[in-house]
Amino acid sequence: METIFVLLPLALLIAAIALGFFIWAARSGQFDDLETPAVRILFDDEEPRPAGSKVLSPKPPETAEDAPTRRDPK
């Protein structure tokens, strides 16, 4: 019985803190736009490259000695 005297106020305190965080989030605009973040991944964020700019890519090895070797497991 003594346990309920500890747990009940503790549960009410945790619920009040959670309610306070919810009210703070609602007032600060956290729930204003729920759809845009879900579809933001579908849009390109990259800026278009100006015409004539080069794409940097790794240079291929010029000789067989420069090429990476692949070891076959034995």
PDB file of N, CA and C in Angstrom:
ATOM      1  N   MET A   1       0.819  -1.199   0.000  1.00  0.00           N
ATOM      2  CA  MET A   1       0.000   0.000   0.000  1.00  0.00           C
ATOM      3  C   MET A   1       0.859   1.258   0.000  1.00  0.00           C
ATOM      4  N   GLU A   2       2.012   1.170   0.650  1.00  0.00           N
ATOM      5  CA  GLU A   2       2.885   2.347   0.665  1.00  0.00           C
ATOM      6  C   GLU A   2       3.432   2.641  -0.727  1.00  0.00           C
ATOM      7  N   THR A   3       3.523   1.607  -1.545  1.00  0.00           N
ATOM      8  CA  THR A   3       4.065   1.771  -2.888  1.00  0.00           C
ATOM      9  C   THR A   3       3.179   2.687  -3.725  1.00  0.00           C
ATOM     10  N   ILE A   4       1.879   2.579  -3.562  1.00  0.00           N
ATOM     11  CA  ILE A   4       0.969   3.414  -4.350  1.00  0.00           C
ATOM     12  C   ILE A   4       1.107   4.880  -3.966  1.00  0.00           C
ATOM     13  N   PHE A   5       1.503   5.163  -2.744  1.00  0.00           N
ATOM     14  CA  PHE A   5       1.689   6.549  -2.321  1.00  0.00           C
ATOM     15  C   PHE A   5       2.931   7.167  -2.981  1.00  0.00           C
ATOM     16  N   VAL A   6       3.833   6.337  -3.442  1.00  0.00           N
ATOM     17  CA  VAL A   6       5.019   6.816  -4.155  1.00  0.00           C
ATOM     18  C   VAL A   6       4.759   6.825  -5.660  1.00  0.00           C
ATOM     19  N   LEU A   7       4.173   5.748  -6.173  1.00  0.00           N
ATOM     20  CA  LEU A   7       4.006   5.610  -7.615  1.00  0.00           C
ATOM     21  C   LEU A   7       2.945   6.537  -8.198  1.00  0.00           C
ATOM     22  N   LEU A   8       1.873   6.769  -7.487  1.00  0.00           N
ATOM     23  CA  LEU A   8       0.813   7.630  -8.004  1.00  0.00           C
ATOM     24  C   LEU A   8       1.289   9.072  -8.200  1.00  0.00           C
ATOM     25  N   PRO A   9       1.907   9.700  -7.204  1.00  0.00           N
ATOM     26  CA  PRO A   9       2.428  11.051  -7.469  1.00  0.00           C
ATOM     27  C   PRO A   9       3.519  11.078  -8.538  1.00  0.00           C
ATOM     28  N   LEU A  10       4.336  10.033  -8.583  1.00  0.00           N
ATOM     29  CA  LEU A  10       5.377   9.961  -9.600  1.00  0.00           C
ATOM     30  C   LEU A  10       4.763   9.861 -10.988  1.00  0.00           C
ATOM     31  N   ALA A  11       3.732   9.063 -11.157  1.00  0.00           N
ATOM     32  CA  ALA A  11       3.049   8.938 -12.444  1.00  0.00           C
ATOM     33  C   ALA A  11       2.376  10.253 -12.835  1.00  0.00           C
ATOM     34  N   LEU A  12       1.772  10.925 -11.877  1.00  0.00           N
ATOM     35  CA  LEU A  12       1.146  12.216 -12.170  1.00  0.00           C
ATOM     36  C   LEU A  12       2.191  13.262 -12.551  1.00  0.00           C
ATOM     37  N   LEU A  13       3.351  13.225 -11.917  1.00  0.00           N
ATOM     38  CA  LEU A  13       4.426  14.156 -12.255  1.00  0.00           C
ATOM     39  C   LEU A  13       4.944  13.900 -13.675  1.00  0.00           C
ATOM     40  N   ILE A  14       5.139  12.650 -14.024  1.00  0.00           N
ATOM     41  CA  ILE A  14       5.603  12.314 -15.367  1.00  0.00           C
ATOM     42  C   ILE A  14       4.560  12.702 -16.408  1.00  0.00           C
ATOM     43  N   ALA A  15       3.296  12.485 -16.119  1.00  0.00           N
ATOM     44  CA  ALA A  15       2.228  12.876 -17.044  1.00  0.00           C
ATOM     45  C   ALA A  15       2.170  14.392 -17.205  1.00  0.00           C
ATOM     46  N   ALA A  16       2.370  15.130 -16.116  1.00  0.00           N
ATOM     47  CA  ALA A  16       2.355  16.588 -16.192  1.00  0.00           C
ATOM     48  C   ALA A  16       3.541  17.100 -17.019  1.00  0.00           C
ATOM     49  N   ILE A  17       4.701  16.470 -16.874  1.00  0.00           N
ATOM     50  CA  ILE A  17       5.870  16.853 -17.669  1.00  0.00           C
ATOM     51  C   ILE A  17       5.619  16.570 -19.150  1.00  0.00           C
ATOM     52  N   ALA A  18       5.047  15.407 -19.446  1.00  0.00           N
ATOM     53  CA  ALA A  18       4.745  15.067 -20.841  1.00  0.00           C
ATOM     54  C   ALA A  18       3.728  16.046 -21.430  1.00  0.00           C
ATOM     55  N   LEU A  19       2.719  16.411 -20.667  1.00  0.00           N
ATOM     56  CA  LEU A  19       1.726  17.378 -21.123  1.00  0.00           C
ATOM     57  C   LEU A  19       2.373  18.743 -21.347  1.00  0.00           C
ATOM     58  N   GLY A  20       3.274  19.123 -20.470  1.00  0.00           N
ATOM     59  CA  GLY A  20       3.987  20.390 -20.637  1.00  0.00           C
ATOM     60  C   GLY A  20       4.823  20.410 -21.905  1.00  0.00           C
ATOM     61  N   PHE A  21       5.520  19.302 -22.192  1.00  0.00           N
ATOM     62  CA  PHE A  21       6.289  19.224 -23.429  1.00  0.00           C
ATOM     63  C   PHE A  21       5.386  19.268 -24.653  1.00  0.00           C
ATOM     64  N   PHE A  22       4.240  18.631 -24.588  1.00  0.00           N
ATOM     65  CA  PHE A  22       3.309  18.660 -25.715  1.00  0.00           C
ATOM     66  C   PHE A  22       2.793  20.075 -25.961  1.00  0.00           C
ATOM     67  N   ILE A  23       2.423  20.774 -24.906  1.00  0.00           N
ATOM     68  CA  ILE A  23       1.923  22.143 -25.058  1.00  0.00           C
ATOM     69  C   ILE A  23       3.030  23.045 -25.599  1.00  0.00           C
ATOM     70  N   TRP A  24       4.265  22.876 -25.102  1.00  0.00           N
ATOM     71  CA  TRP A  24       5.389  23.669 -25.598  1.00  0.00           C
ATOM     72  C   TRP A  24       5.616  23.408 -27.097  1.00  0.00           C
ATOM     73  N   ALA A  25       5.552  22.126 -27.506  1.00  0.00           N
ATOM     74  CA  ALA A  25       5.774  21.791 -28.912  1.00  0.00           C
ATOM     75  C   ALA A  25       4.666  22.358 -29.793  1.00  0.00           C
ATOM     76  N   ALA A  26       3.440  22.314 -29.326  1.00  0.00           N
ATOM     77  CA  ALA A  26       2.320  22.831 -30.108  1.00  0.00           C
ATOM     78  C   ALA A  26       2.410  24.347 -30.255  1.00  0.00           C
ATOM     79  N   ARG A  27       2.819  25.032 -29.203  1.00  0.00           N
ATOM     80  CA  ARG A  27       2.922  26.490 -29.276  1.00  0.00           C
ATOM     81  C   ARG A  27       4.124  26.954 -30.085  1.00  0.00           C
ATOM     82  N   SER A  28       5.170  26.150 -30.145  1.00  0.00           N
ATOM     83  CA  SER A  28       6.369  26.573 -30.868  1.00  0.00           C
ATOM     84  C   SER A  28       6.320  26.178 -32.342  1.00  0.00           C
ATOM     85  N   GLY A  29       5.227  25.561 -32.798  1.00  0.00           N
ATOM     86  CA  GLY A  29       5.053  25.289 -34.215  1.00  0.00           C
ATOM     87  C   GLY A  29       5.591  23.950 -34.679  1.00  0.00           C
ATOM     88  N   GLN A  30       5.810  23.018 -33.794  1.00  0.00           N
ATOM     89  CA  GLN A  30       6.343  21.723 -34.189  1.00  0.00           C
ATOM     90  C   GLN A  30       5.355  20.911 -35.021  1.00  0.00           C
ATOM     91  N   PHE A  31       4.068  21.179 -34.890  1.00  0.00           N
ATOM     92  CA  PHE A  31       3.052  20.396 -35.592  1.00  0.00           C
ATOM     93  C   PHE A  31       2.391  21.184 -36.713  1.00  0.00           C
ATOM     94  N   ASP A  32       3.002  22.274 -37.156  1.00  0.00           N
ATOM     95  CA  ASP A  32       2.388  23.107 -38.190  1.00  0.00           C
ATOM     96  C   ASP A  32       2.337  22.420 -39.547  1.00  0.00           C
ATOM     97  N   ASP A  33       3.416  21.770 -39.952  1.00  0.00           N
ATOM     98  CA  ASP A  33       3.474  21.150 -41.279  1.00  0.00           C
ATOM     99  C   ASP A  33       3.922  19.704 -41.116  1.00  0.00           C
ATOM    100  N   LEU A  34       2.990  18.791 -41.209  1.00  0.00           N
ATOM    101  CA  LEU A  34       3.298  17.375 -41.009  1.00  0.00           C
ATOM    102  C   LEU A  34       3.569  16.641 -42.313  1.00  0.00           C
ATOM    103  N   GLU A  35       3.225  17.224 -43.456  1.00  0.00           N
ATOM    104  CA  GLU A  35       3.354  16.509 -44.726  1.00  0.00           C
ATOM    105  C   GLU A  35       4.655  16.806 -45.464  1.00  0.00           C
ATOM    106  N   THR A  36       5.166  18.007 -45.386  1.00  0.00           N
ATOM    107  CA  THR A  36       6.361  18.364 -46.151  1.00  0.00           C
ATOM    108  C   THR A  36       7.583  17.527 -45.778  1.00  0.00           C
ATOM    109  N   PRO A  37       7.894  17.293 -44.511  1.00  0.00           N
ATOM    110  CA  PRO A  37       9.075  16.475 -44.210  1.00  0.00           C
ATOM    111  C   PRO A  37       8.987  15.058 -44.778  1.00  0.00           C
ATOM    112  N   ALA A  38       7.797  14.536 -44.910  1.00  0.00           N
ATOM    113  CA  ALA A  38       7.651  13.174 -45.424  1.00  0.00           C
ATOM    114  C   ALA A  38       7.954  13.087 -46.913  1.00  0.00           C
ATOM    115  N   VAL A  39       7.694  14.145 -47.665  1.00  0.00           N
ATOM    116  CA  VAL A  39       7.929  14.106 -49.104  1.00  0.00           C
ATOM    117  C   VAL A  39       9.173  14.884 -49.517  1.00  0.00           C
ATOM    118  N   ARG A  40       9.877  15.479 -48.568  1.00  0.00           N
ATOM    119  CA  ARG A  40      11.071  16.261 -48.893  1.00  0.00           C
ATOM    120  C   ARG A  40      12.157  15.395 -49.526  1.00  0.00           C
ATOM    121  N   ILE A  41      12.213  14.126 -49.168  1.00  0.00           N
ATOM    122  CA  ILE A  41      13.229  13.231 -49.713  1.00  0.00           C
ATOM    123  C   ILE A  41      13.021  13.003 -51.201  1.00  0.00           C
ATOM    124  N   LEU A  42      11.835  13.234 -51.708  1.00  0.00           N
ATOM    125  CA  LEU A  42      11.543  12.982 -53.113  1.00  0.00           C
ATOM    126  C   LEU A  42      12.029  14.090 -54.035  1.00  0.00           C
ATOM    127  N   PHE A  43      12.362  15.263 -53.489  1.00  0.00           N
ATOM    128  CA  PHE A  43      12.773  16.396 -54.305  1.00  0.00           C
ATOM    129  C   PHE A  43      14.286  16.489 -54.358  1.00  0.00           C
ATOM    130  N   ASP A  44      14.805  16.939 -55.512  1.00  0.00           N
ATOM    131  CA  ASP A  44      16.238  17.151 -55.664  1.00  0.00           C
ATOM    132  C   ASP A  44      16.628  18.463 -54.994  1.00  0.00           C
ATOM    133  N   ASP A  45      17.683  18.418 -54.191  1.00  0.00           N
ATOM    134  CA  ASP A  45      18.187  19.614 -53.552  1.00  0.00           C
ATOM    135  C   ASP A  45      19.417  20.158 -54.251  1.00  0.00           C
ATOM    136  N   GLU A  46      19.958  19.419 -55.212  1.00  0.00           N
ATOM    137  CA  GLU A  46      21.182  19.826 -55.871  1.00  0.00           C
ATOM    138  C   GLU A  46      20.939  21.010 -56.783  1.00  0.00           C
ATOM    139  N   GLU A  47      21.904  21.912 -56.786  1.00  0.00           N
ATOM    140  CA  GLU A  47      21.858  23.048 -57.700  1.00  0.00           C
ATOM    141  C   GLU A  47      22.315  22.563 -59.077  1.00  0.00           C
ATOM    142  N   PRO A  48      21.690  23.012 -60.142  1.00  0.00           N
ATOM    143  CA  PRO A  48      22.151  22.603 -61.470  1.00  0.00           C
ATOM    144  C   PRO A  48      23.540  23.181 -61.738  1.00  0.00           C
ATOM    145  N   ARG A  49      24.379  22.367 -62.385  1.00  0.00           N
ATOM    146  CA  ARG A  49      25.733  22.809 -62.711  1.00  0.00           C
ATOM    147  C   ARG A  49      25.684  23.763 -63.890  1.00  0.00           C
ATOM    148  N   PRO A  50      26.534  24.770 -63.865  1.00  0.00           N
ATOM    149  CA  PRO A  50      26.591  25.670 -65.021  1.00  0.00           C
ATOM    150  C   PRO A  50      27.129  24.930 -66.246  1.00  0.00           C
ATOM    151  N   ALA A  51      26.734  25.369 -67.410  1.00  0.00           N
ATOM    152  CA  ALA A  51      27.173  24.723 -68.649  1.00  0.00           C
ATOM    153  C   ALA A  51      28.685  24.851 -68.788  1.00  0.00           C
ATOM    154  N   GLY A  52      29.308  23.786 -69.213  1.00  0.00           N
ATOM    155  CA  GLY A  52      30.739  23.794 -69.429  1.00  0.00           C
ATOM    156  C   GLY A  52      31.556  23.393 -68.213  1.00  0.00           C
ATOM    157  N   SER A  53      30.926  23.119 -67.086  1.00  0.00           N
ATOM    158  CA  SER A  53      31.700  22.702 -65.917  1.00  0.00           C
ATOM    159  C   SER A  53      32.013  21.221 -66.022  1.00  0.00           C
ATOM    160  N   LYS A  54      33.180  20.873 -65.534  1.00  0.00           N
ATOM    161  CA  LYS A  54      33.622  19.488 -65.625  1.00  0.00           C
ATOM    162  C   LYS A  54      33.167  18.707 -64.398  1.00  0.00           C
ATOM    163  N   VAL A  55      32.899  17.439 -64.627  1.00  0.00           N
ATOM    164  CA  VAL A  55      32.572  16.537 -63.540  1.00  0.00           C
ATOM    165  C   VAL A  55      33.869  15.885 -63.100  1.00  0.00           C
ATOM    166  N   LEU A  56      34.178  16.004 -61.826  1.00  0.00           N
ATOM    167  CA  LEU A  56      35.396  15.398 -61.321  1.00  0.00           C
ATOM    168  C   LEU A  56      35.167  13.920 -61.091  1.00  0.00           C
ATOM    169  N   SER A  57      35.965  13.111 -61.765  1.00  0.00           N
ATOM    170  CA  SER A  57      35.855  11.672 -61.583  1.00  0.00           C
ATOM    171  C   SER A  57      37.261  11.121 -61.392  1.00  0.00           C
ATOM    172  N   PRO A  58      37.388   9.978 -60.750  1.00  0.00           N
ATOM    173  CA  PRO A  58      38.717   9.423 -60.545  1.00  0.00           C
ATOM    174  C   PRO A  58      39.367   9.058 -61.874  1.00  0.00           C
ATOM    175  N   LYS A  59      40.666   9.323 -61.961  1.00  0.00           N
ATOM    176  CA  LYS A  59      41.413   9.030 -63.177  1.00  0.00           C
ATOM    177  C   LYS A  59      41.673   7.528 -63.258  1.00  0.00           C
ATOM    178  N   PRO A  60      41.417   6.905 -64.409  1.00  0.00           N
ATOM    179  CA  PRO A  60      41.673   5.463 -64.515  1.00  0.00           C
ATOM    180  C   PRO A  60      43.181   5.193 -64.486  1.00  0.00           C
ATOM    181  N   PRO A  61      43.598   4.042 -63.999  1.00  0.00           N
ATOM    182  CA  PRO A  61      45.026   3.733 -63.968  1.00  0.00           C
ATOM    183  C   PRO A  61      45.595   3.663 -65.377  1.00  0.00           C
ATOM    184  N   GLU A  62      46.806   4.195 -65.518  1.00  0.00           N
ATOM    185  CA  GLU A  62      47.421   4.238 -66.844  1.00  0.00           C
ATOM    186  C   GLU A  62      48.153   2.948 -67.191  1.00  0.00           C
ATOM    187  N   THR A  63      48.686   2.284 -66.206  1.00  0.00           N
ATOM    188  CA  THR A  63      49.399   1.039 -66.466  1.00  0.00           C
ATOM    189  C   THR A  63      48.815  -0.067 -65.618  1.00  0.00           C
ATOM    190  N   ALA A  64      49.175  -1.285 -65.924  1.00  0.00           N
ATOM    191  CA  ALA A  64      48.687  -2.433 -65.175  1.00  0.00           C
ATOM    192  C   ALA A  64      49.242  -2.430 -63.753  1.00  0.00           C
ATOM    193  N   GLU A  65      50.404  -1.800 -63.561  1.00  0.00           N
ATOM    194  CA  GLU A  65      51.002  -1.753 -62.227  1.00  0.00           C
ATOM    195  C   GLU A  65      50.234  -0.812 -61.312  1.00  0.00           C
ATOM    196  N   ASP A  66      49.607   0.213 -61.889  1.00  0.00           N
ATOM    197  CA  ASP A  66      48.839   1.167 -61.089  1.00  0.00           C
ATOM    198  C   ASP A  66      47.449   0.645 -60.734  1.00  0.00           C
ATOM    199  N   ALA A  67      46.970  -0.336 -61.479  1.00  0.00           N
ATOM    200  CA  ALA A  67      45.624  -0.865 -61.257  1.00  0.00           C
ATOM    201  C   ALA A  67      45.575  -1.648 -59.951  1.00  0.00           C
ATOM    202  N   PRO A  68      44.465  -1.570 -59.234  1.00  0.00           N
ATOM    203  CA  PRO A  68      44.349  -2.365 -58.007  1.00  0.00           C
ATOM    204  C   PRO A  68      44.280  -3.843 -58.344  1.00  0.00           C
ATOM    205  N   THR A  69      44.889  -4.637 -57.504  1.00  0.00           N
ATOM    206  CA  THR A  69      44.882  -6.080 -57.732  1.00  0.00           C
ATOM    207  C   THR A  69      43.819  -6.737 -56.895  1.00  0.00           C
ATOM    208  N   ARG A  70      43.357  -7.844 -57.393  1.00  0.00           N
ATOM    209  CA  ARG A  70      42.338  -8.598 -56.684  1.00  0.00           C
ATOM    210  C   ARG A  70      42.939  -9.943 -56.302  1.00  0.00           C
ATOM    211  N   ARG A  71      42.867 -10.240 -55.047  1.00  0.00           N
ATOM    212  CA  ARG A  71      43.442 -11.495 -54.582  1.00  0.00           C
ATOM    213  C   ARG A  71      42.353 -12.566 -54.567  1.00  0.00           C
ATOM    214  N   ASP A  72      42.698 -13.719 -55.105  1.00  0.00           N
ATOM    215  CA  ASP A  72      41.776 -14.837 -55.091  1.00  0.00           C
ATOM    216  C   ASP A  72      41.984 -15.620 -53.807  1.00  0.00           C
ATOM    217  N   PRO A  73      40.881 -15.913 -53.068  1.00  0.00           N
ATOM    218  CA  PRO A  73      41.030 -16.730 -51.845  1.00  0.00           C
ATOM    219  C   PRO A  73      41.422 -18.154 -52.201  1.00  0.00           C
ATOM    220  N   LYS A  74      42.293 -18.716 -51.395  1.00  0.00           N
ATOM    221  CA  LYS A  74      42.744 -20.090 -51.645  1.00  0.00           C
ATOM    222  C   LYS A  74      42.058 -21.072 -50.735  1.00  0.00           C
TER     223      LYS A  74
END
